[in-house]
Amino acid sequence: MTIAHQAVGGVSQTTGVLAGRLDLRLYPATASPWWAALTVEPWLPLGASGVGEAPPGSIAVTEAHAGFRFPTADVYVGRFQLPVETGRLTVPFTLAFYDAAGRRRGVDGVRADVYLSSGRLQVAAVQAGQQWTPLIGWRQQLVGWETTGYLLWQEDGPAAGVGASGLVGSTVVYGEAWSLPGEQGLRGSVGATGYLGDSLWTVELARASFPAAQTSGPQAPAVPLAAAQLAHAFPSGWTVVADAAAVLRDETPAAGPALGKQDRPHHLRVSVTYELLPGQAEVELSVRRQVRPPQPDVLGAAVGLRWFF
């Protein structure tokens, strides 16, 4: 349950939202060669005050598939998650987009993960819009590193991507690059994450869509971005997370002057979470600011209660 208040272009609105996630897994027997999975995520506004209409509620089925295990392969049929990205904070390219409620829907189709002595081969045919998209991928484990490569065919041509992540000392470094049909230049990101005392930090540079990890898809214009996140968990049950992302270079609209530094798209968010009952209940307070010219600035605050059962 979350109560959110935000001001958009001087117009304020308060909304209550009841959201949840229900995961069901069916394993007929310990040694059974098949299983089934279903994930349902409801999102229901309870009411709004202020100017403007309340957003509609919805129930999203983010996963619904049957899985079959063979001696050297796993096969999925239905709706499943198919991550192809390496970055943590930015999304140069993805097949599983976020919707307006922040849910990441899976893709519909057939997928096979083939386990070989030299690596893992992934073959899939998924529905993207009104067409079927074939995909082939490879994942290779190295000493302290993991590399991936993907090739898929979209309506306007083939897209290809490579990624890698691994340890350099005690720091995880990673990166990815994507070539998309109809675009000049590559999309991609490079980043690093590690611990500073008890704090977990992540920094990233990318050429990707803005906002960094929200609903923009691969067709949205790519811009140079910088993103960072800092999280600290206290022994007393408090956790603080601060994250930010900003466009690095001025974008000049078709009509009008170049944007100034204060007008560049960016977002800031700070959340504070307290664990009321370990592993069972927590409360979160968050504040955020988002600027995406020429759209109005967004200022928001929210308080939520999560219950796990």
Protein backbone atom coordinates (compact mmCIF):
# COMPACT_ATOMS: atom_id res chain seq x y z
CA MET A 1 0.00 0.00 0.00
CA THR A 2 1.43 3.40 -1.05
CA ILE A 3 0.21 6.97 -0.63
CA ALA A 4 1.85 9.25 -3.19
CA HIS A 5 1.68 13.02 -3.59
CA GLN A 6 3.14 14.80 -6.59
CA ALA A 7 3.12 18.21 -8.22
CA VAL A 8 3.32 18.38 -12.01
CA GLY A 9 3.60 21.83 -13.51
CA GLY A 10 2.05 23.42 -10.43
CA VAL A 11 -0.86 20.94 -10.29
CA SER A 12 -0.91 18.74 -7.16
CA GLN A 13 -2.44 15.29 -6.80
CA THR A 14 -2.57 12.67 -4.04
CA THR A 15 -3.19 9.04 -4.91
CA GLY A 16 -3.41 5.84 -2.92
CA VAL A 17 -2.17 2.70 -4.66
CA LEU A 18 -2.64 -0.91 -3.64
CA ALA A 19 -0.07 -3.07 -5.41
CA GLY A 20 1.17 -6.59 -4.96
CA ARG A 21 2.96 -9.55 -6.47
CA LEU A 22 1.78 -13.15 -6.36
CA ASP A 23 4.24 -15.87 -7.43
CA LEU A 24 3.01 -19.42 -7.99
CA ARG A 25 5.37 -22.28 -8.83
CA LEU A 26 4.25 -25.84 -9.52
CA TYR A 27 6.76 -28.72 -9.31
CA PRO A 28 4.86 -32.02 -9.63
CA ALA A 29 7.66 -34.14 -8.15
CA THR A 30 11.27 -33.84 -7.07
CA ALA A 31 12.61 -35.45 -10.24
CA SER A 32 9.84 -34.23 -12.55
CA PRO A 33 11.01 -33.04 -16.00
CA TRP A 34 8.51 -30.16 -16.09
CA TRP A 35 7.25 -27.26 -14.00
CA ALA A 36 4.89 -24.30 -14.32
CA ALA A 37 5.15 -20.68 -13.17
CA LEU A 38 2.66 -17.82 -12.85
CA THR A 39 3.34 -14.27 -11.62
CA VAL A 40 0.47 -11.78 -11.26
CA GLU A 41 1.01 -8.15 -10.26
CA PRO A 42 -2.13 -6.08 -9.50
CA TRP A 43 -1.94 -2.28 -9.38
CA LEU A 44 -5.09 -0.54 -8.11
CA PRO A 45 -5.49 3.21 -7.40
CA LEU A 46 -7.76 3.69 -4.38
CA GLY A 47 -8.65 7.32 -5.04
CA ALA A 48 -7.19 10.70 -5.85
CA SER A 49 -7.55 14.26 -4.70
CA GLY A 50 -6.56 17.32 -6.65
CA VAL A 51 -6.79 18.24 -10.29
CA GLY A 52 -6.64 15.54 -12.94
CA GLU A 53 -7.98 12.04 -13.46
CA ALA A 54 -6.89 9.05 -11.41
CA PRO A 55 -4.78 6.58 -13.38
CA PRO A 56 -6.61 3.35 -14.29
CA GLY A 57 -5.89 0.17 -12.38
CA SER A 58 -4.69 -3.04 -13.97
CA ILE A 59 -3.65 -6.61 -13.28
CA ALA A 60 -0.54 -7.64 -15.21
CA VAL A 61 0.52 -11.22 -15.84
CA THR A 62 4.29 -10.77 -15.96
CA GLU A 63 5.10 -14.50 -16.15
CA ALA A 64 3.00 -17.50 -17.23
CA HIS A 65 4.95 -20.39 -18.67
CA ALA A 66 5.56 -24.10 -18.61
CA GLY A 67 9.12 -25.36 -18.44
CA PHE A 68 10.56 -28.65 -19.58
CA ARG A 69 13.96 -30.01 -18.54
CA PHE A 70 15.95 -32.21 -20.87
CA PRO A 71 19.41 -33.71 -20.21
CA THR A 72 21.23 -30.71 -21.76
CA ALA A 73 18.52 -28.06 -22.19
CA ASP A 74 15.67 -26.18 -20.52
CA VAL A 75 12.69 -25.20 -22.69
CA TYR A 76 10.17 -22.47 -21.77
CA VAL A 77 6.78 -21.99 -23.47
CA GLY A 78 4.49 -19.05 -22.68
CA ARG A 79 5.39 -15.71 -21.06
CA PHE A 80 8.81 -15.53 -19.44
CA GLN A 81 11.57 -13.07 -18.54
CA LEU A 82 14.30 -12.78 -21.18
CA PRO A 83 16.97 -10.33 -19.94
CA VAL A 84 19.55 -9.34 -22.55
CA GLU A 85 20.98 -6.27 -20.81
CA THR A 86 24.14 -6.01 -18.70
CA GLY A 87 23.81 -2.51 -17.19
CA ARG A 88 22.41 -1.88 -13.71
CA LEU A 89 21.16 1.71 -13.91
CA THR A 90 20.63 2.43 -17.62
CA VAL A 91 18.91 0.43 -20.35
CA PRO A 92 20.49 0.80 -23.81
CA PHE A 93 18.31 -2.07 -25.13
CA THR A 94 15.80 -4.48 -23.60
CA LEU A 95 13.08 -6.88 -24.64
CA ALA A 96 11.15 -6.62 -21.36
CA PHE A 97 9.94 -3.04 -20.95
CA TYR A 98 8.62 -1.36 -17.82
CA ASP A 99 4.98 -0.29 -17.94
CA ALA A 100 3.44 2.83 -16.40
CA ALA A 101 3.07 1.06 -13.03
CA GLY A 102 6.77 0.10 -12.95
CA ARG A 103 6.17 -3.57 -13.72
CA ARG A 104 8.48 -5.42 -16.05
CA ARG A 105 6.39 -7.63 -18.27
CA GLY A 106 7.89 -10.73 -19.79
CA VAL A 107 7.84 -11.70 -23.45
CA ASP A 108 5.60 -14.29 -25.12
CA GLY A 109 7.12 -17.11 -27.10
CA VAL A 110 9.37 -20.15 -26.93
CA ARG A 111 12.87 -20.23 -25.44
CA ALA A 112 15.51 -22.95 -25.13
CA ASP A 113 18.63 -22.74 -22.97
CA VAL A 114 21.14 -25.34 -24.18
CA TYR A 115 23.99 -26.12 -21.75
CA LEU A 116 27.24 -27.04 -23.45
CA SER A 117 30.67 -27.73 -21.98
CA SER A 118 31.96 -24.47 -23.46
CA GLY A 119 29.03 -22.22 -22.50
CA ARG A 120 25.27 -21.72 -22.75
CA LEU A 121 23.44 -21.33 -26.04
CA GLN A 122 20.10 -19.52 -25.96
CA VAL A 123 17.60 -19.75 -28.83
CA ALA A 124 14.20 -18.07 -28.74
CA ALA A 125 11.30 -16.85 -30.84
CA VAL A 126 9.34 -14.10 -29.09
CA GLN A 127 6.47 -11.83 -30.01
CA ALA A 128 7.49 -8.16 -30.28
CA GLY A 129 4.47 -6.04 -31.13
CA GLN A 130 2.66 -7.68 -34.05
CA GLN A 131 5.57 -9.80 -35.26
CA TRP A 132 7.72 -12.70 -34.14
CA THR A 133 11.38 -12.00 -33.43
CA PRO A 134 13.98 -14.79 -33.54
CA LEU A 135 16.91 -14.49 -31.13
CA ILE A 136 20.14 -16.38 -30.63
CA GLY A 137 22.46 -15.75 -27.69
CA TRP A 138 25.63 -17.08 -26.10
CA ARG A 139 26.80 -16.86 -22.49
CA GLN A 140 30.41 -17.72 -21.65
CA GLN A 141 31.86 -18.11 -18.16
CA LEU A 142 35.51 -17.17 -17.76
CA VAL A 143 37.73 -16.97 -14.68
CA GLY A 144 36.09 -14.14 -12.71
CA TRP A 145 34.23 -12.91 -15.80
CA GLU A 146 31.06 -13.56 -17.77
CA THR A 147 30.45 -12.52 -21.39
CA THR A 148 27.27 -12.51 -23.45
CA GLY A 149 26.36 -11.96 -27.07
CA TYR A 150 22.97 -11.64 -28.79
CA LEU A 151 21.68 -11.43 -32.34
CA LEU A 152 18.01 -10.85 -33.12
CA TRP A 153 15.93 -9.86 -36.11
CA GLN A 154 13.50 -6.97 -35.80
CA GLU A 155 10.98 -5.67 -38.29
CA ASP A 156 13.47 -3.15 -39.73
CA GLY A 157 16.57 -5.36 -39.61
CA PRO A 158 18.99 -7.25 -37.37
CA ALA A 159 20.17 -5.99 -33.96
CA ALA A 160 23.27 -7.24 -32.18
CA GLY A 161 24.67 -6.77 -28.70
CA VAL A 162 27.60 -7.89 -26.57
CA GLY A 163 28.18 -7.53 -22.84
CA ALA A 164 30.66 -8.49 -20.14
CA SER A 165 31.01 -8.25 -16.37
CA GLY A 166 33.70 -9.33 -13.95
CA LEU A 167 35.84 -8.59 -10.93
CA VAL A 168 38.74 -6.17 -10.85
CA GLY A 169 40.04 -6.51 -7.34
CA SER A 170 36.94 -6.11 -5.16
CA THR A 171 35.04 -4.01 -7.74
CA VAL A 172 32.62 -5.39 -10.32
CA VAL A 173 33.03 -3.69 -13.70
CA TYR A 174 30.69 -4.24 -16.62
CA GLY A 175 29.71 -2.93 -20.02
CA GLU A 176 27.56 -3.59 -23.06
CA ALA A 177 27.21 -2.32 -26.64
CA TRP A 178 24.28 -2.58 -29.07
CA SER A 179 23.94 -1.93 -32.78
CA LEU A 180 20.31 -1.28 -33.70
CA PRO A 181 18.84 -1.04 -37.21
CA GLY A 182 18.16 2.47 -38.44
CA GLU A 183 20.40 4.13 -35.84
CA GLN A 184 23.77 5.77 -36.32
CA GLY A 185 26.35 4.89 -33.71
CA LEU A 186 26.16 2.36 -30.90
CA ARG A 187 24.05 2.28 -27.79
CA GLY A 188 25.79 1.02 -24.69
CA SER A 189 26.95 1.51 -21.13
CA VAL A 190 29.99 1.04 -18.91
CA GLY A 191 29.84 0.93 -15.15
CA ALA A 192 31.28 -0.24 -11.87
CA THR A 193 29.87 -1.24 -8.50
CA GLY A 194 31.50 -1.98 -5.18
CA TYR A 195 31.53 -1.37 -1.44
CA LEU A 196 32.79 1.69 0.38
CA GLY A 197 32.72 0.51 3.96
CA ASP A 198 29.15 -0.70 4.46
CA SER A 199 27.78 1.34 1.54
CA LEU A 200 27.17 -0.13 -1.92
CA TRP A 201 27.91 2.31 -4.76
CA THR A 202 27.29 2.08 -8.50
CA VAL A 203 28.28 4.54 -11.23
CA GLU A 204 27.52 4.29 -14.92
CA LEU A 205 28.01 6.14 -18.21
CA ALA A 206 25.79 5.26 -21.15
CA ARG A 207 24.36 6.17 -24.49
CA ALA A 208 20.76 5.15 -23.93
CA SER A 209 17.20 6.41 -23.65
CA PHE A 210 16.10 8.70 -20.82
CA PRO A 211 14.73 8.11 -18.21
CA ALA A 212 17.44 5.63 -17.28
CA ALA A 213 15.46 2.56 -16.27
CA GLN A 214 11.81 3.38 -16.81
CA THR A 215 9.37 3.02 -19.67
CA SER A 216 11.41 4.29 -22.62
CA GLY A 217 12.06 1.61 -25.21
CA PRO A 218 14.89 1.09 -27.66
CA GLN A 219 13.17 3.29 -30.27
CA ALA A 220 13.37 6.36 -28.03
CA PRO A 221 16.27 8.69 -28.94
CA ALA A 222 19.59 7.74 -27.38
CA VAL A 223 21.46 10.42 -25.44
CA PRO A 224 24.67 10.43 -23.37
CA LEU A 225 23.78 9.75 -19.74
CA ALA A 226 25.46 9.54 -16.36
CA ALA A 227 23.83 7.63 -13.51
CA ALA A 228 24.80 6.82 -9.93
CA GLN A 229 23.35 5.04 -6.92
CA LEU A 230 24.44 4.81 -3.28
CA ALA A 231 22.82 2.42 -0.80
CA HIS A 232 23.56 1.97 2.88
CA ALA A 233 21.95 -0.55 5.25
CA PHE A 234 22.18 0.13 8.98
CA PRO A 235 22.22 -2.68 11.57
CA SER A 236 19.17 -1.07 13.21
CA GLY A 237 16.97 -2.01 10.22
CA TRP A 238 17.16 1.29 8.31
CA THR A 239 18.20 1.41 4.64
CA VAL A 240 18.87 4.58 2.64
CA VAL A 241 19.12 4.58 -1.16
CA ALA A 242 19.91 7.64 -3.30
CA ASP A 243 20.02 7.50 -7.09
CA ALA A 244 20.32 10.04 -9.88
CA ALA A 245 20.64 10.18 -13.66
CA ALA A 246 21.26 13.12 -16.00
CA VAL A 247 21.75 13.84 -19.67
CA LEU A 248 25.33 15.02 -20.22
CA ARG A 249 25.07 16.93 -23.48
CA ASP A 250 22.73 19.72 -24.53
CA GLU A 251 19.94 18.62 -26.83
CA THR A 252 18.70 21.25 -29.28
CA PRO A 253 14.98 20.98 -30.12
CA ALA A 254 13.85 21.35 -33.71
CA ALA A 255 12.57 24.82 -32.88
CA GLY A 256 14.09 26.78 -30.05
CA PRO A 257 17.42 27.44 -28.37
CA ALA A 258 19.70 24.81 -26.88
CA LEU A 259 18.80 23.73 -23.39
CA GLY A 260 20.76 25.15 -20.49
CA LYS A 261 22.40 23.05 -17.81
CA GLN A 262 19.42 23.43 -15.48
CA ASP A 263 17.02 22.35 -18.24
CA ARG A 264 18.72 19.11 -19.18
CA PRO A 265 16.65 16.00 -18.41
CA HIS A 266 17.53 14.51 -15.04
CA HIS A 267 15.98 12.72 -12.11
CA LEU A 268 16.82 12.45 -8.41
CA ARG A 269 15.36 10.06 -5.86
CA VAL A 270 16.02 9.30 -2.19
CA SER A 271 14.25 6.53 -0.29
CA VAL A 272 14.41 5.52 3.36
CA THR A 273 13.20 2.05 4.36
CA TYR A 274 12.66 0.65 7.85
CA GLU A 275 12.17 -3.07 8.50
CA LEU A 276 9.25 -3.31 10.92
CA LEU A 277 9.31 -7.11 11.12
CA PRO A 278 12.41 -8.86 9.74
CA GLY A 279 11.52 -10.60 6.50
CA GLN A 280 7.82 -9.78 6.87
CA ALA A 281 7.02 -6.06 6.87
CA GLU A 282 8.74 -2.80 5.98
CA VAL A 283 7.79 0.85 5.50
CA GLU A 284 9.36 3.19 2.93
CA LEU A 285 9.41 6.96 2.50
CA SER A 286 10.70 8.39 -0.78
CA VAL A 287 11.03 11.77 -2.49
CA ARG A 288 11.87 12.38 -6.14
CA ARG A 289 12.31 15.10 -8.74
CA GLN A 290 12.20 14.56 -12.48
CA VAL A 291 12.87 17.08 -15.24
CA ARG A 292 12.13 16.18 -18.89
CA PRO A 293 11.77 19.35 -20.99
CA PRO A 294 9.50 20.38 -22.58
CA GLN A 295 7.26 18.42 -20.17
CA PRO A 296 6.48 19.96 -16.77
CA ASP A 297 8.79 19.22 -13.86
CA VAL A 298 7.62 16.50 -11.46
CA LEU A 299 8.06 16.70 -7.69
CA GLY A 300 6.78 13.80 -5.64
CA ALA A 301 6.76 12.14 -2.24
CA ALA A 302 5.40 8.75 -1.26
CA VAL A 303 5.05 6.56 1.81
CA GLY A 304 4.38 2.85 1.50
CA LEU A 305 3.90 -0.28 3.57
CA ARG A 306 5.02 -3.66 2.20
CA TRP A 307 3.91 -6.96 3.68
CA PHE A 308 5.49 -10.25 2.61
CA PHE A 309 3.70 -13.54 3.10
